[in-house]
Protein backbone atom coordinates (compact mmCIF):
# COMPACT_ATOMS: atom_id res chain seq x y z
CA MET A 1 99.19 79.39 117.30
CA GLY A 2 96.04 80.95 116.90
CA SER A 3 93.40 81.46 114.97
CA LEU A 4 93.99 82.74 111.40
CA VAL A 5 92.32 85.46 108.73
CA VAL A 6 93.61 86.22 105.62
CA ALA A 7 92.26 89.26 104.19
CA SER A 8 94.25 89.68 100.79
CA ARG A 9 91.98 88.72 97.93
CA SER A 10 95.11 87.76 95.67
CA PHE A 11 96.65 85.56 98.66
CA SER A 12 93.50 84.26 99.11
CA LYS A 13 92.98 83.34 95.12
CA HIS A 14 96.01 81.17 95.10
CA ALA A 15 95.84 77.56 95.40
CA VAL A 16 99.66 76.80 96.60
CA LEU A 17 99.46 79.63 98.62
CA ARG A 18 95.58 78.58 100.46
CA GLN A 19 97.28 74.48 100.27
CA GLU A 20 100.68 75.87 102.34
CA THR A 21 98.19 77.85 104.90
CA LEU A 22 96.03 75.05 105.90
CA LYS A 23 98.75 72.99 106.37
CA ARG A 24 100.15 74.95 109.40
CA TYR A 25 96.48 76.76 110.32
CA PRO A 26 93.45 74.25 109.42
CA ASP A 27 90.96 76.48 110.26
CA ALA A 28 91.77 79.82 108.36
CA LYS A 29 89.18 82.00 107.21
CA PHE A 30 90.03 83.38 103.46
CA ASN A 31 88.32 86.08 101.89
CA ASP A 32 86.49 84.26 99.31
CA LYS A 33 84.49 86.96 98.60
CA GLY A 34 86.85 88.84 96.98
CA LEU A 35 85.72 92.07 99.74
CA SER A 36 87.79 94.79 99.27
CA LEU A 37 88.47 95.39 103.22
CA ASN A 38 89.12 98.95 104.76
CA GLY A 39 87.92 100.61 107.89
CA GLU A 40 84.96 98.97 109.42
CA SER A 41 84.80 96.11 106.95
CA LEU A 42 88.51 95.40 107.73
CA VAL A 43 87.84 95.32 112.04
CA GLU A 44 84.59 92.79 111.17
CA PHE A 45 86.45 90.47 108.89
CA LEU A 46 89.43 90.53 111.15
CA SER A 47 87.59 90.33 114.73
CA GLY A 48 87.95 87.83 117.08
CA HIS A 49 91.61 86.25 115.07
CA GLU A 50 95.08 86.19 116.47
CA ASN A 51 96.89 86.62 113.33
CA ALA A 52 96.34 87.85 110.31
CA ILE A 53 97.58 88.35 106.71
CA THR A 54 97.26 91.52 104.88
CA ALA A 55 98.25 93.03 101.18
CA LEU A 56 96.92 96.64 100.55
CA GLU A 57 94.90 96.82 103.29
CA THR A 58 95.57 100.08 105.80
CA ILE A 59 96.15 98.80 108.86
CA ASP A 60 96.27 102.23 111.49
CA GLU A 61 95.79 102.77 115.23
CA SER A 62 91.92 103.39 114.15
CA ILE A 63 91.72 99.86 113.31
CA LEU A 64 94.32 98.27 115.50
CA SER A 65 91.99 99.88 118.70
CA LYS A 66 88.94 97.45 117.84
CA LEU A 67 90.67 94.48 117.97
CA PRO A 68 92.26 93.88 120.85
CA ASP A 69 92.64 89.92 120.24
CA LEU A 70 95.17 90.77 117.23
CA LYS A 71 98.74 89.48 118.03
CA VAL A 72 100.69 88.83 114.98
CA ILE A 73 100.60 90.41 111.40
CA GLY A 74 101.85 88.88 108.09
CA LYS A 75 102.66 91.34 106.05
CA TYR A 76 101.83 89.95 101.66
CA GLY A 77 104.03 92.30 100.09
CA VAL A 78 107.12 94.59 100.16
CA GLY A 79 105.50 97.65 100.90
CA LEU A 80 104.84 98.79 104.49
CA ASP A 81 103.41 101.61 103.61
CA MET A 82 99.70 101.13 104.08
CA ILE A 83 101.28 99.93 107.98
CA ASP A 84 101.34 102.27 110.88
CA LEU A 85 104.14 100.67 112.98
CA LYS A 86 104.32 102.71 116.24
CA ALA A 87 100.31 101.99 116.04
CA MET A 88 101.49 98.43 115.60
CA ASP A 89 104.00 98.86 118.85
CA LYS A 90 101.26 100.20 121.16
CA PHE A 91 98.72 97.86 120.87
CA LYS A 92 101.75 94.96 121.38
CA VAL A 93 100.74 93.85 117.25
CA LYS A 94 104.31 92.17 115.87
CA LEU A 95 104.86 92.48 112.54
CA GLY A 96 105.71 89.14 110.10
CA TRP A 97 107.70 90.54 107.02
CA THR A 98 110.48 89.71 104.75
CA GLY A 99 111.74 92.72 102.80
CA GLY A 100 113.50 92.32 98.95
CA VAL A 101 111.59 88.73 98.44
CA ASN A 102 110.06 90.07 94.65
CA LYS A 103 113.37 92.09 93.77
CA ARG A 104 114.44 89.72 90.95
CA SER A 105 110.86 90.62 89.31
CA VAL A 106 110.83 93.78 89.67
CA SER A 107 114.45 94.10 88.80
CA GLU A 108 113.78 92.28 84.96
CA LEU A 109 110.67 94.82 84.65
CA VAL A 110 112.95 97.87 85.01
CA ILE A 111 115.91 96.47 82.80
CA SER A 112 113.01 95.32 80.17
CA SER A 113 111.65 98.60 80.55
CA ALA A 114 114.46 101.03 80.05
CA ILE A 115 115.45 98.56 76.72
CA ALA A 116 112.14 98.84 75.22
CA LEU A 117 111.87 102.76 75.96
CA LEU A 118 115.51 103.32 74.75
CA HIS A 119 114.98 101.15 71.61
CA ARG A 120 111.62 102.98 71.07
CA THR A 121 109.92 99.51 70.70
CA VAL A 122 106.25 101.01 72.38
CA PHE A 123 106.53 103.97 70.07
CA ALA A 124 107.66 101.96 67.14
CA ASN A 125 104.56 98.79 68.03
CA SER A 126 102.14 102.25 67.96
CA GLU A 127 102.71 103.05 64.46
CA VAL A 128 102.69 99.66 62.85
CA LYS A 129 99.24 99.70 64.50
CA LYS A 130 98.46 102.52 62.97
CA GLY A 131 99.90 100.99 58.86
CA LYS A 132 103.37 103.01 59.22
CA TRP A 133 106.17 100.42 58.78
CA TYR A 134 109.55 102.42 58.89
CA GLN A 135 112.43 102.24 60.41
CA VAL A 136 112.40 103.41 64.24
CA LYS A 137 115.71 104.84 65.41
CA GLY A 138 116.98 104.48 68.98
CA ARG A 139 119.78 103.91 71.28
CA GLN A 140 121.25 100.96 73.31
CA LEU A 141 121.08 100.51 76.95
CA SER A 142 125.11 99.55 77.17
CA ASP A 143 127.33 102.14 77.99
CA CYS A 144 124.47 104.63 78.87
CA ASN A 145 124.36 106.26 82.19
CA PHE A 146 121.96 104.53 84.41
CA GLY A 147 120.81 106.27 88.18
CA ILE A 148 119.11 104.18 90.88
CA VAL A 149 117.33 106.39 93.45
CA GLY A 150 117.16 103.78 96.22
CA CYS A 151 119.85 100.96 96.43
CA GLY A 152 117.77 98.47 98.80
CA HIS A 153 117.14 95.26 97.94
CA ILE A 154 115.77 95.92 94.53
CA GLY A 155 118.65 98.72 93.49
CA LYS A 156 120.99 96.71 94.11
CA GLU A 157 119.59 93.63 92.24
CA ILE A 158 119.69 95.96 89.27
CA VAL A 159 123.15 96.57 89.74
CA LYS A 160 123.84 93.17 89.26
CA MET A 161 122.09 93.06 86.59
CA LEU A 162 123.73 95.73 84.66
CA GLN A 163 126.65 94.14 85.00
CA PRO A 164 127.12 92.73 81.61
CA PHE A 165 125.85 95.99 79.66
CA ASN A 166 129.13 98.21 80.96
CA CYS A 167 127.12 101.15 82.02
CA LYS A 168 128.54 104.02 84.00
CA ILE A 169 126.14 103.30 87.36
CA LEU A 170 124.98 106.17 89.77
CA ALA A 171 123.19 105.73 92.78
CA HIS A 172 121.63 107.83 95.63
CA ASP A 173 120.62 106.73 98.93
CA ILE A 174 120.29 108.04 102.66
CA LEU A 175 122.05 104.86 103.62
CA GLU A 176 125.52 104.01 103.10
CA PHE A 177 126.78 100.93 101.06
CA ASP A 178 130.35 101.69 100.10
CA GLU A 179 131.89 98.08 99.96
CA PHE A 180 128.44 97.18 97.95
CA TYR A 181 129.58 100.35 95.91
CA SER A 182 132.84 99.65 95.54
CA GLN A 183 132.69 96.13 94.67
CA ASN A 184 130.13 96.52 92.04
CA ASN A 185 131.79 100.00 89.90
CA VAL A 186 128.90 102.18 91.38
CA THR A 187 129.14 105.77 92.08
CA SER A 188 126.78 107.69 95.14
CA VAL A 189 126.28 110.64 93.91
CA SER A 190 123.60 113.27 95.05
CA LEU A 191 120.11 113.05 93.86
CA ASN A 192 120.16 116.24 92.01
CA GLU A 193 123.74 115.02 90.28
CA LEU A 194 121.87 111.60 89.56
CA LEU A 195 118.98 113.35 87.44
CA ARG A 196 121.49 116.05 85.50
CA SER A 197 123.76 112.56 84.33
CA SER A 198 121.40 109.76 84.05
CA ASP A 199 120.34 108.62 80.90
CA VAL A 200 118.07 106.21 82.72
CA VAL A 201 116.87 107.24 85.88
CA THR A 202 114.64 104.23 87.98
CA LEU A 203 113.09 104.94 91.82
CA HIS A 204 113.41 102.39 93.82
CA LEU A 205 112.38 104.53 97.94
CA PRO A 206 109.44 103.30 100.20
CA LEU A 207 106.75 106.13 100.50
CA ASN A 208 107.08 108.05 103.48
CA TYR A 209 106.66 111.45 105.08
CA SER A 210 110.39 112.11 103.75
CA THR A 211 109.68 110.75 100.09
CA LYS A 212 106.19 112.08 99.29
CA ASN A 213 106.61 113.81 96.02
CA ILE A 214 110.42 113.87 96.59
CA ILE A 215 110.70 113.77 92.66
CA SER A 216 109.15 117.63 92.41
CA LYS A 217 108.62 119.70 89.02
CA GLN A 218 111.77 121.14 89.85
CA ARG A 219 113.92 117.72 90.43
CA LEU A 220 111.93 116.48 87.22
CA SER A 221 113.10 120.00 85.22
CA LEU A 222 116.84 118.63 85.99
CA LEU A 223 116.48 115.51 83.94
CA LYS A 224 118.42 115.58 80.28
CA LYS A 225 115.77 115.82 77.42
CA ASP A 226 116.68 112.27 76.29
CA ALA A 227 116.65 110.37 79.31
CA ILE A 228 114.10 108.08 80.21
CA PHE A 229 112.36 107.85 83.75
CA ILE A 230 111.03 104.68 85.61
CA ASN A 231 108.95 104.36 88.35
CA LEU A 232 108.47 100.56 89.94
CA ALA A 233 108.28 101.84 93.62
CA ARG A 234 104.75 104.15 94.48
CA GLY A 235 103.27 106.54 92.70
CA GLY A 236 103.46 109.30 95.26
CA LEU A 237 107.34 109.99 94.70
CA VAL A 238 106.46 111.79 91.96
CA ASP A 239 104.63 115.14 90.81
CA GLU A 240 102.62 113.20 88.34
CA LYS A 241 101.26 116.38 86.28
CA ALA A 242 104.52 117.84 86.00
CA LEU A 243 105.64 114.65 84.48
CA LYS A 244 103.06 114.26 82.29
CA GLN A 245 103.21 117.99 81.32
CA LEU A 246 107.48 116.79 80.32
CA LEU A 247 106.43 113.78 77.78
CA ILE A 248 103.94 116.13 76.31
CA GLU A 249 106.64 118.68 75.47
CA LYS A 250 108.75 116.07 74.48
CA LYS A 251 111.40 117.22 77.04
CA LEU A 252 111.87 113.58 78.39
CA ALA A 253 112.24 110.96 76.27
CA GLY A 254 110.36 108.58 77.55
CA ALA A 255 108.88 106.87 80.93
CA ALA A 256 107.76 103.44 82.30
CA LEU A 257 105.09 104.14 84.84
CA ASP A 258 104.04 100.88 87.26
CA VAL A 259 102.30 103.08 89.83
CA PHE A 260 100.59 105.77 90.74
CA GLU A 261 99.25 108.11 93.64
CA ILE A 262 95.61 106.91 92.67
CA GLU A 263 95.24 103.14 91.86
CA PRO A 264 93.33 102.72 89.10
CA PRO A 265 94.38 106.06 88.02
CA VAL A 266 91.96 108.43 86.68
CA ASP A 267 94.10 110.36 84.45
CA HIS A 268 94.34 107.82 81.86
CA SER A 269 95.85 110.37 79.30
CA PHE A 270 99.50 108.69 80.36
CA SER A 271 98.65 106.02 77.71
CA GLU A 272 98.58 108.49 75.01
CA ILE A 273 101.86 109.87 75.20
CA ASP A 274 104.48 108.83 73.03
CA ASN A 275 106.88 106.52 74.13
CA VAL A 276 105.56 105.96 77.73
CA LEU A 277 105.12 102.37 79.04
CA ILE A 278 101.67 101.79 81.59
CA THR A 279 101.68 98.66 83.26
CA PRO A 280 98.82 97.81 86.06
CA HIS A 281 101.52 97.76 89.25
CA ILE A 282 102.86 94.34 87.55
CA GLY A 283 106.50 94.99 88.74
CA GLY A 284 106.32 91.98 91.44
CA SER A 285 103.38 90.09 90.18
CA THR A 286 105.59 87.37 88.65
CA GLU A 287 104.38 83.51 89.57
CA GLU A 288 107.79 83.04 91.01
CA ALA A 289 107.70 86.42 93.20
CA ILE A 290 103.96 86.13 94.43
CA LEU A 291 104.49 82.58 95.73
CA ALA A 292 107.88 83.88 97.31
CA MET A 293 106.15 87.20 99.02
CA GLY A 294 103.06 84.38 99.94
CA MET A 295 105.25 82.05 101.82
CA ALA A 296 107.08 85.27 103.54
CA ALA A 297 103.69 86.38 104.65
CA ILE A 298 103.16 82.65 106.06
CA ASP A 299 106.60 81.98 108.20
CA GLY A 300 106.28 85.66 109.28
CA LEU A 301 103.29 84.62 111.81
CA GLU A 302 105.94 82.48 113.14
CA ASN A 303 109.02 84.64 113.01
CA SER A 304 107.56 87.97 113.86
CA LYS A 305 109.30 90.73 115.34
CA ASN A 306 108.39 94.43 116.88
CA PRO A 307 107.44 96.59 113.90
CA LEU A 308 109.60 99.48 115.60
CA ASP A 309 112.32 96.71 114.38
CA PHE A 310 111.42 97.75 110.70
CA LEU A 311 111.75 101.60 110.48
């Protein structure tokens, strides 16, 4: 089985995950000092261990080349953008990872954010805090055009949760899900058509070379003036400057942003704009999702695969 080291700070602090880890790996080493590990500090922390659990730590060729003992990485969390899968294959390090284990948590936040922004709850609350009391008119989620960019685990979960609202659901994905779309009354459209037609647009794509800045300034200009834009995926998918300008100029009705290209964000002006909901990357941070992701990382150590299987 080999020795285990846990680099993730949040995993290391979680009592239940620690207990479960120690049942299987009694000598496991945790990041009890809460260190932010990267580069040489990460190499030093992982050195000499055959198994590791990582989360937001960058794992690339420069790291793996200095860890000859490392055999398996269990990934805590659903994103793989911090891991160079080809480098892992080169150094014969296997990966334990399960996608979609936080899908319910993220989907609930998407739906609740859409409702809050359509009803202008964020704006109304800010007005009340200023001592103003008047009716703020909004819109219902029911019967709206709801666009989902990326119909993987989370996108499909959102489709299922939207069924009682009788929305016209539009989806765009590079993969074909014809059977799922047919069963759930989803219309597959081009990305540009989805942006033009949707009352709510939500992103659920991985961040890689093909998706970087996929929602560019030009594509943002396609959004309807009364549309709601939601990003709980990755900040690097969106031209943040262009999005902010649309919101300031009131060419977009509202936005919910749980992720930014740089976190924590250095630009705090988004939070000052009317009907914008900012959260600190909490989409998958329910207790249930955290536990599920942690257990998946532990199980992944024993059920690891060639990392290229996840490309």
